[in-house]
Amino acid sequence: LMNTVCMIYCTSPYYNTSEHMTSLFL
């Protein structure tokens, strides 16, 4: 799960913001 989240953070042109990632981790 964390590897996939990391992949999203590293490759997504839109979703890799602090706001989106915080919401997802929450």
mmCIF file of all heavy atoms, coordinates in Angstrom:
data_MODEL
# 
_entry.id   MODEL 
# 
loop_
_atom_site.group_PDB 
_atom_site.id 
_atom_site.type_symbol 
_atom_site.label_atom_id 
_atom_site.label_alt_id 
_atom_site.label_comp_id 
_atom_site.label_asym_id 
_atom_site.label_entity_id 
_atom_site.label_seq_id 
_atom_site.pdbx_PDB_ins_code 
_atom_site.Cartn_x 
_atom_site.Cartn_y 
_atom_site.Cartn_z 
_atom_site.occupancy 
_atom_site.B_iso_or_equiv 
_atom_site.pdbx_formal_charge 
_atom_site.auth_seq_id 
_atom_site.auth_comp_id 
_atom_site.auth_asym_id 
_atom_site.auth_atom_id 
_atom_site.pdbx_PDB_model_num 
ATOM 1   N N   . LEU A 1 1  ? 0.841  -1.204 0.000   1.00 0.00 ? 1  LEU A N   1 
ATOM 2   C CA  . LEU A 1 1  ? 0.000  0.000  0.000   1.00 0.00 ? 1  LEU A CA  1 
ATOM 3   C C   . LEU A 1 1  ? 0.875  1.252  0.000   1.00 0.00 ? 1  LEU A C   1 
ATOM 4   O O   . LEU A 1 1  ? 0.672  2.178  -0.798  1.00 0.00 ? 1  LEU A O   1 
ATOM 5   C CB  . LEU A 1 1  ? -0.933 -0.008 1.212   1.00 0.00 ? 1  LEU A CB  1 
ATOM 6   C CG  . LEU A 1 1  ? -1.768 1.248  1.452   1.00 0.00 ? 1  LEU A CG  1 
ATOM 7   C CD1 . LEU A 1 1  ? -2.751 1.483  0.315   1.00 0.00 ? 1  LEU A CD1 1 
ATOM 8   C CD2 . LEU A 1 1  ? -2.516 1.129  2.776   1.00 0.00 ? 1  LEU A CD2 1 
ATOM 9   N N   . MET A 1 2  ? 1.864  1.292  0.873   1.00 0.00 ? 2  MET A N   1 
ATOM 10  C CA  . MET A 1 2  ? 2.745  2.463  0.962   1.00 0.00 ? 2  MET A CA  1 
ATOM 11  C C   . MET A 1 2  ? 3.582  2.640  -0.310  1.00 0.00 ? 2  MET A C   1 
ATOM 12  O O   . MET A 1 2  ? 3.803  3.765  -0.758  1.00 0.00 ? 2  MET A O   1 
ATOM 13  C CB  . MET A 1 2  ? 3.659  2.369  2.187   1.00 0.00 ? 2  MET A CB  1 
ATOM 14  C CG  . MET A 1 2  ? 2.932  2.529  3.512   1.00 0.00 ? 2  MET A CG  1 
ATOM 15  S SD  . MET A 1 2  ? 2.105  4.118  3.654   1.00 0.00 ? 2  MET A SD  1 
ATOM 16  C CE  . MET A 1 2  ? 0.403  3.604  3.693   1.00 0.00 ? 2  MET A CE  1 
ATOM 17  N N   . ASN A 1 3  ? 4.010  1.528  -0.897  1.00 0.00 ? 3  ASN A N   1 
ATOM 18  C CA  . ASN A 1 3  ? 4.748  1.623  -2.165  1.00 0.00 ? 3  ASN A CA  1 
ATOM 19  C C   . ASN A 1 3  ? 3.875  2.231  -3.266  1.00 0.00 ? 3  ASN A C   1 
ATOM 20  O O   . ASN A 1 3  ? 4.338  3.047  -4.065  1.00 0.00 ? 3  ASN A O   1 
ATOM 21  C CB  . ASN A 1 3  ? 5.259  0.252  -2.611  1.00 0.00 ? 3  ASN A CB  1 
ATOM 22  C CG  . ASN A 1 3  ? 6.467  -0.188 -1.821  1.00 0.00 ? 3  ASN A CG  1 
ATOM 23  O OD1 . ASN A 1 3  ? 7.192  0.634  -1.261  1.00 0.00 ? 3  ASN A OD1 1 
ATOM 24  N ND2 . ASN A 1 3  ? 6.684  -1.500 -1.764  1.00 0.00 ? 3  ASN A ND2 1 
ATOM 25  N N   . THR A 1 4  ? 2.613  1.839  -3.283  1.00 0.00 ? 4  THR A N   1 
ATOM 26  C CA  . THR A 1 4  ? 1.696  2.374  -4.288  1.00 0.00 ? 4  THR A CA  1 
ATOM 27  C C   . THR A 1 4  ? 1.421  3.848  -4.035  1.00 0.00 ? 4  THR A C   1 
ATOM 28  O O   . THR A 1 4  ? 1.392  4.647  -4.976  1.00 0.00 ? 4  THR A O   1 
ATOM 29  C CB  . THR A 1 4  ? 0.387  1.562  -4.304  1.00 0.00 ? 4  THR A CB  1 
ATOM 30  O OG1 . THR A 1 4  ? 0.704  0.179  -4.471  1.00 0.00 ? 4  THR A OG1 1 
ATOM 31  C CG2 . THR A 1 4  ? -0.521 2.008  -5.433  1.00 0.00 ? 4  THR A CG2 1 
ATOM 32  N N   . VAL A 1 5  ? 1.247  4.233  -2.782  1.00 0.00 ? 5  VAL A N   1 
ATOM 33  C CA  . VAL A 1 5  ? 1.057  5.644  -2.450  1.00 0.00 ? 5  VAL A CA  1 
ATOM 34  C C   . VAL A 1 5  ? 2.288  6.441  -2.857  1.00 0.00 ? 5  VAL A C   1 
ATOM 35  O O   . VAL A 1 5  ? 2.188  7.538  -3.429  1.00 0.00 ? 5  VAL A O   1 
ATOM 36  C CB  . VAL A 1 5  ? 0.736  5.835  -0.948  1.00 0.00 ? 5  VAL A CB  1 
ATOM 37  C CG1 . VAL A 1 5  ? 0.780  7.301  -0.560  1.00 0.00 ? 5  VAL A CG1 1 
ATOM 38  C CG2 . VAL A 1 5  ? -0.627 5.233  -0.603  1.00 0.00 ? 5  VAL A CG2 1 
ATOM 39  N N   . CYS A 1 6  ? 3.457  5.894  -2.600  1.00 0.00 ? 6  CYS A N   1 
ATOM 40  C CA  . CYS A 1 6  ? 4.712  6.546  -2.990  1.00 0.00 ? 6  CYS A CA  1 
ATOM 41  C C   . CYS A 1 6  ? 4.793  6.713  -4.502  1.00 0.00 ? 6  CYS A C   1 
ATOM 42  O O   . CYS A 1 6  ? 5.179  7.776  -5.011  1.00 0.00 ? 6  CYS A O   1 
ATOM 43  C CB  . CYS A 1 6  ? 5.899  5.737  -2.472  1.00 0.00 ? 6  CYS A CB  1 
ATOM 44  S SG  . CYS A 1 6  ? 7.488  6.478  -2.872  1.00 0.00 ? 6  CYS A SG  1 
ATOM 45  N N   . MET A 1 7  ? 4.385  5.688  -5.241  1.00 0.00 ? 7  MET A N   1 
ATOM 46  C CA  . MET A 1 7  ? 4.379  5.756  -6.699  1.00 0.00 ? 7  MET A CA  1 
ATOM 47  C C   . MET A 1 7  ? 3.447  6.878  -7.173  1.00 0.00 ? 7  MET A C   1 
ATOM 48  O O   . MET A 1 7  ? 3.793  7.654  -8.054  1.00 0.00 ? 7  MET A O   1 
ATOM 49  C CB  . MET A 1 7  ? 3.936  4.409  -7.280  1.00 0.00 ? 7  MET A CB  1 
ATOM 50  C CG  . MET A 1 7  ? 3.895  4.341  -8.798  1.00 0.00 ? 7  MET A CG  1 
ATOM 51  S SD  . MET A 1 7  ? 2.351  4.848  -9.617  1.00 0.00 ? 7  MET A SD  1 
ATOM 52  C CE  . MET A 1 7  ? 1.115  3.827  -8.878  1.00 0.00 ? 7  MET A CE  1 
ATOM 53  N N   . ILE A 1 8  ? 2.280  6.987  -6.560  1.00 0.00 ? 8  ILE A N   1 
ATOM 54  C CA  . ILE A 1 8  ? 1.339  8.056  -6.915  1.00 0.00 ? 8  ILE A CA  1 
ATOM 55  C C   . ILE A 1 8  ? 1.968  9.416  -6.644  1.00 0.00 ? 8  ILE A C   1 
ATOM 56  O O   . ILE A 1 8  ? 1.937  10.309 -7.488  1.00 0.00 ? 8  ILE A O   1 
ATOM 57  C CB  . ILE A 1 8  ? 0.013  7.897  -6.141  1.00 0.00 ? 8  ILE A CB  1 
ATOM 58  C CG1 . ILE A 1 8  ? -0.745 6.667  -6.640  1.00 0.00 ? 8  ILE A CG1 1 
ATOM 59  C CG2 . ILE A 1 8  ? -0.847 9.158  -6.271  1.00 0.00 ? 8  ILE A CG2 1 
ATOM 60  C CD1 . ILE A 1 8  ? -1.951 6.304  -5.801  1.00 0.00 ? 8  ILE A CD1 1 
ATOM 61  N N   . TYR A 1 9  ? 2.573  9.548  -5.486  1.00 0.00 ? 9  TYR A N   1 
ATOM 62  C CA  . TYR A 1 9  ? 3.193  10.822 -5.121  1.00 0.00 ? 9  TYR A CA  1 
ATOM 63  C C   . TYR A 1 9  ? 4.306  11.200 -6.100  1.00 0.00 ? 9  TYR A C   1 
ATOM 64  O O   . TYR A 1 9  ? 4.444  12.353 -6.488  1.00 0.00 ? 9  TYR A O   1 
ATOM 65  C CB  . TYR A 1 9  ? 3.741  10.761 -3.693  1.00 0.00 ? 9  TYR A CB  1 
ATOM 66  C CG  . TYR A 1 9  ? 4.364  12.066 -3.258  1.00 0.00 ? 9  TYR A CG  1 
ATOM 67  C CD1 . TYR A 1 9  ? 3.555  13.154 -2.920  1.00 0.00 ? 9  TYR A CD1 1 
ATOM 68  C CD2 . TYR A 1 9  ? 5.735  12.221 -3.201  1.00 0.00 ? 9  TYR A CD2 1 
ATOM 69  C CE1 . TYR A 1 9  ? 4.115  14.367 -2.541  1.00 0.00 ? 9  TYR A CE1 1 
ATOM 70  C CE2 . TYR A 1 9  ? 6.305  13.427 -2.823  1.00 0.00 ? 9  TYR A CE2 1 
ATOM 71  C CZ  . TYR A 1 9  ? 5.489  14.497 -2.491  1.00 0.00 ? 9  TYR A CZ  1 
ATOM 72  O OH  . TYR A 1 9  ? 6.043  15.699 -2.124  1.00 0.00 ? 9  TYR A OH  1 
ATOM 73  N N   . CYS A 1 10 ? 5.083  10.223 -6.505  1.00 0.00 ? 10 CYS A N   1 
ATOM 74  C CA  . CYS A 1 10 ? 6.233  10.498 -7.378  1.00 0.00 ? 10 CYS A CA  1 
ATOM 75  C C   . CYS A 1 10 ? 5.864  10.698 -8.841  1.00 0.00 ? 10 CYS A C   1 
ATOM 76  O O   . CYS A 1 10 ? 6.590  11.376 -9.566  1.00 0.00 ? 10 CYS A O   1 
ATOM 77  C CB  . CYS A 1 10 ? 7.251  9.356  -7.278  1.00 0.00 ? 10 CYS A CB  1 
ATOM 78  S SG  . CYS A 1 10 ? 8.032  9.259  -5.664  1.00 0.00 ? 10 CYS A SG  1 
ATOM 79  N N   . THR A 1 11 ? 4.769  10.120 -9.292  1.00 0.00 ? 11 THR A N   1 
ATOM 80  C CA  . THR A 1 11 ? 4.482  10.151 -10.725 1.00 0.00 ? 11 THR A CA  1 
ATOM 81  C C   . THR A 1 11 ? 3.250  10.957 -11.131 1.00 0.00 ? 11 THR A C   1 
ATOM 82  O O   . THR A 1 11 ? 3.165  11.373 -12.282 1.00 0.00 ? 11 THR A O   1 
ATOM 83  C CB  . THR A 1 11 ? 4.329  8.725  -11.281 1.00 0.00 ? 11 THR A CB  1 
ATOM 84  O OG1 . THR A 1 11 ? 3.253  8.072  -10.606 1.00 0.00 ? 11 THR A OG1 1 
ATOM 85  C CG2 . THR A 1 11 ? 5.612  7.939  -11.138 1.00 0.00 ? 11 THR A CG2 1 
ATOM 86  N N   . SER A 1 12 ? 2.323  11.172 -10.230 1.00 0.00 ? 12 SER A N   1 
ATOM 87  C CA  . SER A 1 12 ? 1.096  11.880 -10.600 1.00 0.00 ? 12 SER A CA  1 
ATOM 88  C C   . SER A 1 12 ? 1.353  13.372 -10.795 1.00 0.00 ? 12 SER A C   1 
ATOM 89  O O   . SER A 1 12 ? 1.904  14.031 -9.917  1.00 0.00 ? 12 SER A O   1 
ATOM 90  C CB  . SER A 1 12 ? 0.030  11.703 -9.519  1.00 0.00 ? 12 SER A CB  1 
ATOM 91  O OG  . SER A 1 12 ? -1.081 12.537 -9.795  1.00 0.00 ? 12 SER A OG  1 
ATOM 92  N N   . PRO A 1 13 ? 0.935  13.915 -11.928 1.00 0.00 ? 13 PRO A N   1 
ATOM 93  C CA  . PRO A 1 13 ? 1.138  15.352 -12.133 1.00 0.00 ? 13 PRO A CA  1 
ATOM 94  C C   . PRO A 1 13 ? 0.181  16.212 -11.313 1.00 0.00 ? 13 PRO A C   1 
ATOM 95  O O   . PRO A 1 13 ? 0.439  17.394 -11.122 1.00 0.00 ? 13 PRO A O   1 
ATOM 96  C CB  . PRO A 1 13 ? 0.885  15.526 -13.631 1.00 0.00 ? 13 PRO A CB  1 
ATOM 97  C CG  . PRO A 1 13 ? 0.083  14.358 -14.046 1.00 0.00 ? 13 PRO A CG  1 
ATOM 98  C CD  . PRO A 1 13 ? 0.412  13.244 -13.106 1.00 0.00 ? 13 PRO A CD  1 
ATOM 99  N N   . TYR A 1 14 ? -0.913 15.624 -10.823 1.00 0.00 ? 14 TYR A N   1 
ATOM 100 C CA  . TYR A 1 14 ? -1.906 16.409 -10.098 1.00 0.00 ? 14 TYR A CA  1 
ATOM 101 C C   . TYR A 1 14 ? -2.030 16.020 -8.624  1.00 0.00 ? 14 TYR A C   1 
ATOM 102 O O   . TYR A 1 14 ? -2.227 16.854 -7.766  1.00 0.00 ? 14 TYR A O   1 
ATOM 103 C CB  . TYR A 1 14 ? -3.298 16.257 -10.738 1.00 0.00 ? 14 TYR A CB  1 
ATOM 104 C CG  . TYR A 1 14 ? -3.370 16.746 -12.150 1.00 0.00 ? 14 TYR A CG  1 
ATOM 105 C CD1 . TYR A 1 14 ? -3.384 15.852 -13.222 1.00 0.00 ? 14 TYR A CD1 1 
ATOM 106 C CD2 . TYR A 1 14 ? -3.417 18.108 -12.426 1.00 0.00 ? 14 TYR A CD2 1 
ATOM 107 C CE1 . TYR A 1 14 ? -3.462 16.303 -14.532 1.00 0.00 ? 14 TYR A CE1 1 
ATOM 108 C CE2 . TYR A 1 14 ? -3.495 18.565 -13.726 1.00 0.00 ? 14 TYR A CE2 1 
ATOM 109 C CZ  . TYR A 1 14 ? -3.525 17.663 -14.777 1.00 0.00 ? 14 TYR A CZ  1 
ATOM 110 O OH  . TYR A 1 14 ? -3.598 18.109 -16.053 1.00 0.00 ? 14 TYR A OH  1 
ATOM 111 N N   . TYR A 1 15 ? -1.956 14.722 -8.341  1.00 0.00 ? 15 TYR A N   1 
ATOM 112 C CA  . TYR A 1 15 ? -2.289 14.238 -6.997  1.00 0.00 ? 15 TYR A CA  1 
ATOM 113 C C   . TYR A 1 15 ? -1.144 14.374 -6.008  1.00 0.00 ? 15 TYR A C   1 
ATOM 114 O O   . TYR A 1 15 ? -1.310 14.162 -4.827  1.00 0.00 ? 15 TYR A O   1 
ATOM 115 C CB  . TYR A 1 15 ? -2.754 12.772 -7.066  1.00 0.00 ? 15 TYR A CB  1 
ATOM 116 C CG  . TYR A 1 15 ? -3.645 12.401 -5.912  1.00 0.00 ? 15 TYR A CG  1 
ATOM 117 C CD1 . TYR A 1 15 ? -4.978 12.771 -5.915  1.00 0.00 ? 15 TYR A CD1 1 
ATOM 118 C CD2 . TYR A 1 15 ? -3.154 11.722 -4.820  1.00 0.00 ? 15 TYR A CD2 1 
ATOM 119 C CE1 . TYR A 1 15 ? -5.800 12.463 -4.858  1.00 0.00 ? 15 TYR A CE1 1 
ATOM 120 C CE2 . TYR A 1 15 ? -3.968 11.400 -3.752  1.00 0.00 ? 15 TYR A CE2 1 
ATOM 121 C CZ  . TYR A 1 15 ? -5.291 11.771 -3.778  1.00 0.00 ? 15 TYR A CZ  1 
ATOM 122 O OH  . TYR A 1 15 ? -6.101 11.466 -2.723  1.00 0.00 ? 15 TYR A OH  1 
ATOM 123 N N   . ASN A 1 16 ? 0.015  14.776 -6.454  1.00 0.00 ? 16 ASN A N   1 
ATOM 124 C CA  . ASN A 1 16 ? 1.194  14.779 -5.590  1.00 0.00 ? 16 ASN A CA  1 
ATOM 125 C C   . ASN A 1 16 ? 1.324  16.057 -4.752  1.00 0.00 ? 16 ASN A C   1 
ATOM 126 O O   . ASN A 1 16 ? 2.422  16.498 -4.468  1.00 0.00 ? 16 ASN A O   1 
ATOM 127 C CB  . ASN A 1 16 ? 2.451  14.542 -6.414  1.00 0.00 ? 16 ASN A CB  1 
ATOM 128 C CG  . ASN A 1 16 ? 2.697  15.650 -7.410  1.00 0.00 ? 16 ASN A CG  1 
ATOM 129 O OD1 . ASN A 1 16 ? 1.886  16.540 -7.565  1.00 0.00 ? 16 ASN A OD1 1 
ATOM 130 N ND2 . ASN A 1 16 ? 3.818  15.576 -8.098  1.00 0.00 ? 16 ASN A ND2 1 
ATOM 131 N N   . THR A 1 17 ? 0.200  16.613 -4.320  1.00 0.00 ? 17 THR A N   1 
ATOM 132 C CA  . THR A 1 17 ? 0.255  17.793 -3.455  1.00 0.00 ? 17 THR A CA  1 
ATOM 133 C C   . THR A 1 17 ? 0.129  17.358 -2.003  1.00 0.00 ? 17 THR A C   1 
ATOM 134 O O   . THR A 1 17 ? -0.405 16.282 -1.706  1.00 0.00 ? 17 THR A O   1 
ATOM 135 C CB  . THR A 1 17 ? -0.882 18.779 -3.769  1.00 0.00 ? 17 THR A CB  1 
ATOM 136 O OG1 . THR A 1 17 ? -2.136 18.164 -3.447  1.00 0.00 ? 17 THR A OG1 1 
ATOM 137 C CG2 . THR A 1 17 ? -0.868 19.200 -5.234  1.00 0.00 ? 17 THR A CG2 1 
ATOM 138 N N   . SER A 1 18 ? 0.580  18.198 -1.122  1.00 0.00 ? 18 SER A N   1 
ATOM 139 C CA  . SER A 1 18 ? 0.482  17.922 0.309   1.00 0.00 ? 18 SER A CA  1 
ATOM 140 C C   . SER A 1 18 ? -0.984 17.736 0.719   1.00 0.00 ? 18 SER A C   1 
ATOM 141 O O   . SER A 1 18 ? -1.316 16.840 1.495   1.00 0.00 ? 18 SER A O   1 
ATOM 142 C CB  . SER A 1 18 ? 1.114  19.081 1.083   1.00 0.00 ? 18 SER A CB  1 
ATOM 143 O OG  . SER A 1 18 ? 0.944  18.899 2.448   1.00 0.00 ? 18 SER A OG  1 
ATOM 144 N N   . GLU A 1 19 ? -1.836 18.570 0.175   1.00 0.00 ? 19 GLU A N   1 
ATOM 145 C CA  . GLU A 1 19 ? -3.268 18.507 0.513   1.00 0.00 ? 19 GLU A CA  1 
ATOM 146 C C   . GLU A 1 19 ? -3.880 17.158 0.131   1.00 0.00 ? 19 GLU A C   1 
ATOM 147 O O   . GLU A 1 19 ? -4.562 16.518 0.935   1.00 0.00 ? 19 GLU A O   1 
ATOM 148 C CB  . GLU A 1 19 ? -3.995 19.642 -0.223  1.00 0.00 ? 19 GLU A CB  1 
ATOM 149 C CG  . GLU A 1 19 ? -5.488 19.654 -0.027  1.00 0.00 ? 19 GLU A CG  1 
ATOM 150 C CD  . GLU A 1 19 ? -6.165 20.726 -0.880  1.00 0.00 ? 19 GLU A CD  1 
ATOM 151 O OE1 . GLU A 1 19 ? -5.509 21.727 -1.227  1.00 0.00 ? 19 GLU A OE1 1 
ATOM 152 O OE2 . GLU A 1 19 ? -7.341 20.535 -1.207  1.00 0.00 ? 19 GLU A OE2 1 
ATOM 153 N N   . HIS A 1 20 ? -3.624 16.705 -1.099  1.00 0.00 ? 20 HIS A N   1 
ATOM 154 C CA  . HIS A 1 20 ? -4.184 15.427 -1.548  1.00 0.00 ? 20 HIS A CA  1 
ATOM 155 C C   . HIS A 1 20 ? -3.593 14.254 -0.779  1.00 0.00 ? 20 HIS A C   1 
ATOM 156 O O   . HIS A 1 20 ? -4.323 13.339 -0.383  1.00 0.00 ? 20 HIS A O   1 
ATOM 157 C CB  . HIS A 1 20 ? -3.944 15.218 -3.044  1.00 0.00 ? 20 HIS A CB  1 
ATOM 158 C CG  . HIS A 1 20 ? -4.716 16.137 -3.930  1.00 0.00 ? 20 HIS A CG  1 
ATOM 159 N ND1 . HIS A 1 20 ? -6.019 16.507 -3.704  1.00 0.00 ? 20 HIS A ND1 1 
ATOM 160 C CD2 . HIS A 1 20 ? -4.357 16.762 -5.074  1.00 0.00 ? 20 HIS A CD2 1 
ATOM 161 C CE1 . HIS A 1 20 ? -6.430 17.317 -4.653  1.00 0.00 ? 20 HIS A CE1 1 
ATOM 162 N NE2 . HIS A 1 20 ? -5.433 17.496 -5.502  1.00 0.00 ? 20 HIS A NE2 1 
ATOM 163 N N   . MET A 1 21 ? -2.293 14.263 -0.579  1.00 0.00 ? 21 MET A N   1 
ATOM 164 C CA  . MET A 1 21 ? -1.650 13.142 0.105   1.00 0.00 ? 21 MET A CA  1 
ATOM 165 C C   . MET A 1 21 ? -2.089 13.075 1.574   1.00 0.00 ? 21 MET A C   1 
ATOM 166 O O   . MET A 1 21 ? -2.321 11.985 2.105   1.00 0.00 ? 21 MET A O   1 
ATOM 167 C CB  . MET A 1 21 ? -0.130 13.245 0.002   1.00 0.00 ? 21 MET A CB  1 
ATOM 168 C CG  . MET A 1 21 ? 0.399  13.133 -1.431  1.00 0.00 ? 21 MET A CG  1 
ATOM 169 S SD  . MET A 1 21 ? -0.199 11.714 -2.370  1.00 0.00 ? 21 MET A SD  1 
ATOM 170 C CE  . MET A 1 21 ? 0.624  10.379 -1.559  1.00 0.00 ? 21 MET A CE  1 
ATOM 171 N N   . THR A 1 22 ? -2.222 14.233 2.220   1.00 0.00 ? 22 THR A N   1 
ATOM 172 C CA  . THR A 1 22 ? -2.689 14.253 3.608   1.00 0.00 ? 22 THR A CA  1 
ATOM 173 C C   . THR A 1 22 ? -4.089 13.681 3.705   1.00 0.00 ? 22 THR A C   1 
ATOM 174 O O   . THR A 1 22 ? -4.383 12.867 4.588   1.00 0.00 ? 22 THR A O   1 
ATOM 175 C CB  . THR A 1 22 ? -2.656 15.693 4.169   1.00 0.00 ? 22 THR A CB  1 
ATOM 176 O OG1 . THR A 1 22 ? -1.310 16.172 4.108   1.00 0.00 ? 22 THR A OG1 1 
ATOM 177 C CG2 . THR A 1 22 ? -3.165 15.752 5.593   1.00 0.00 ? 22 THR A CG2 1 
ATOM 178 N N   . SER A 1 23 ? -4.950 14.076 2.787   1.00 0.00 ? 23 SER A N   1 
ATOM 179 C CA  . SER A 1 23 ? -6.315 13.562 2.766   1.00 0.00 ? 23 SER A CA  1 
ATOM 180 C C   . SER A 1 23 ? -6.325 12.050 2.579   1.00 0.00 ? 23 SER A C   1 
ATOM 181 O O   . SER A 1 23 ? -7.058 11.326 3.265   1.00 0.00 ? 23 SER A O   1 
ATOM 182 C CB  . SER A 1 23 ? -7.094 14.247 1.637   1.00 0.00 ? 23 SER A CB  1 
ATOM 183 O OG  . SER A 1 23 ? -8.378 13.717 1.526   1.00 0.00 ? 23 SER A OG  1 
ATOM 184 N N   . LEU A 1 24 ? -5.497 11.558 1.678   1.00 0.00 ? 24 LEU A N   1 
ATOM 185 C CA  . LEU A 1 24 ? -5.435 10.120 1.435   1.00 0.00 ? 24 LEU A CA  1 
ATOM 186 C C   . LEU A 1 24 ? -4.908 9.365  2.652   1.00 0.00 ? 24 LEU A C   1 
ATOM 187 O O   . LEU A 1 24 ? -5.498 8.362  3.079   1.00 0.00 ? 24 LEU A O   1 
ATOM 188 C CB  . LEU A 1 24 ? -4.553 9.836  0.213   1.00 0.00 ? 24 LEU A CB  1 
ATOM 189 C CG  . LEU A 1 24 ? -4.388 8.375  -0.165  1.00 0.00 ? 24 LEU A CG  1 
ATOM 190 C CD1 . LEU A 1 24 ? -5.736 7.749  -0.509  1.00 0.00 ? 24 LEU A CD1 1 
ATOM 191 C CD2 . LEU A 1 24 ? -3.425 8.243  -1.343  1.00 0.00 ? 24 LEU A CD2 1 
ATOM 192 N N   . PHE A 1 25 ? -3.819 9.841  3.247   1.00 0.00 ? 25 PHE A N   1 
ATOM 193 C CA  . PHE A 1 25 ? -3.262 9.175  4.432   1.00 0.00 ? 25 PHE A CA  1 
ATOM 194 C C   . PHE A 1 25 ? -4.247 9.202  5.602   1.00 0.00 ? 25 PHE A C   1 
ATOM 195 O O   . PHE A 1 25 ? -4.355 8.236  6.359   1.00 0.00 ? 25 PHE A O   1 
ATOM 196 C CB  . PHE A 1 25 ? -1.933 9.809  4.854   1.00 0.00 ? 25 PHE A CB  1 
ATOM 197 C CG  . PHE A 1 25 ? -0.753 9.281  4.092   1.00 0.00 ? 25 PHE A CG  1 
ATOM 198 C CD1 . PHE A 1 25 ? 0.049  10.131 3.353   1.00 0.00 ? 25 PHE A CD1 1 
ATOM 199 C CD2 . PHE A 1 25 ? -0.436 7.934  4.107   1.00 0.00 ? 25 PHE A CD2 1 
ATOM 200 C CE1 . PHE A 1 25 ? 1.142  9.647  2.645   1.00 0.00 ? 25 PHE A CE1 1 
ATOM 201 C CE2 . PHE A 1 25 ? 0.644  7.437  3.404   1.00 0.00 ? 25 PHE A CE2 1 
ATOM 202 C CZ  . PHE A 1 25 ? 1.440  8.301  2.659   1.00 0.00 ? 25 PHE A CZ  1 
ATOM 203 N N   . LEU A 1 26 ? -4.983 10.281 5.736   1.00 0.00 ? 26 LEU A N   1 
ATOM 204 C CA  . LEU A 1 26 ? -5.995 10.375 6.787   1.00 0.00 ? 26 LEU A CA  1 
ATOM 205 C C   . LEU A 1 26 ? -7.066 9.301  6.580   1.00 0.00 ? 26 LEU A C   1 
ATOM 206 O O   . LEU A 1 26 ? -7.459 8.604  7.528   1.00 0.00 ? 26 LEU A O   1 
ATOM 207 C CB  . LEU A 1 26 ? -6.628 11.774 6.793   1.00 0.00 ? 26 LEU A CB  1 
ATOM 208 C CG  . LEU A 1 26 ? -7.712 12.010 7.835   1.00 0.00 ? 26 LEU A CG  1 
ATOM 209 C CD1 . LEU A 1 26 ? -7.117 11.979 9.234   1.00 0.00 ? 26 LEU A CD1 1 
ATOM 210 C CD2 . LEU A 1 26 ? -8.380 13.349 7.591   1.00 0.00 ? 26 LEU A CD2 1 
# 
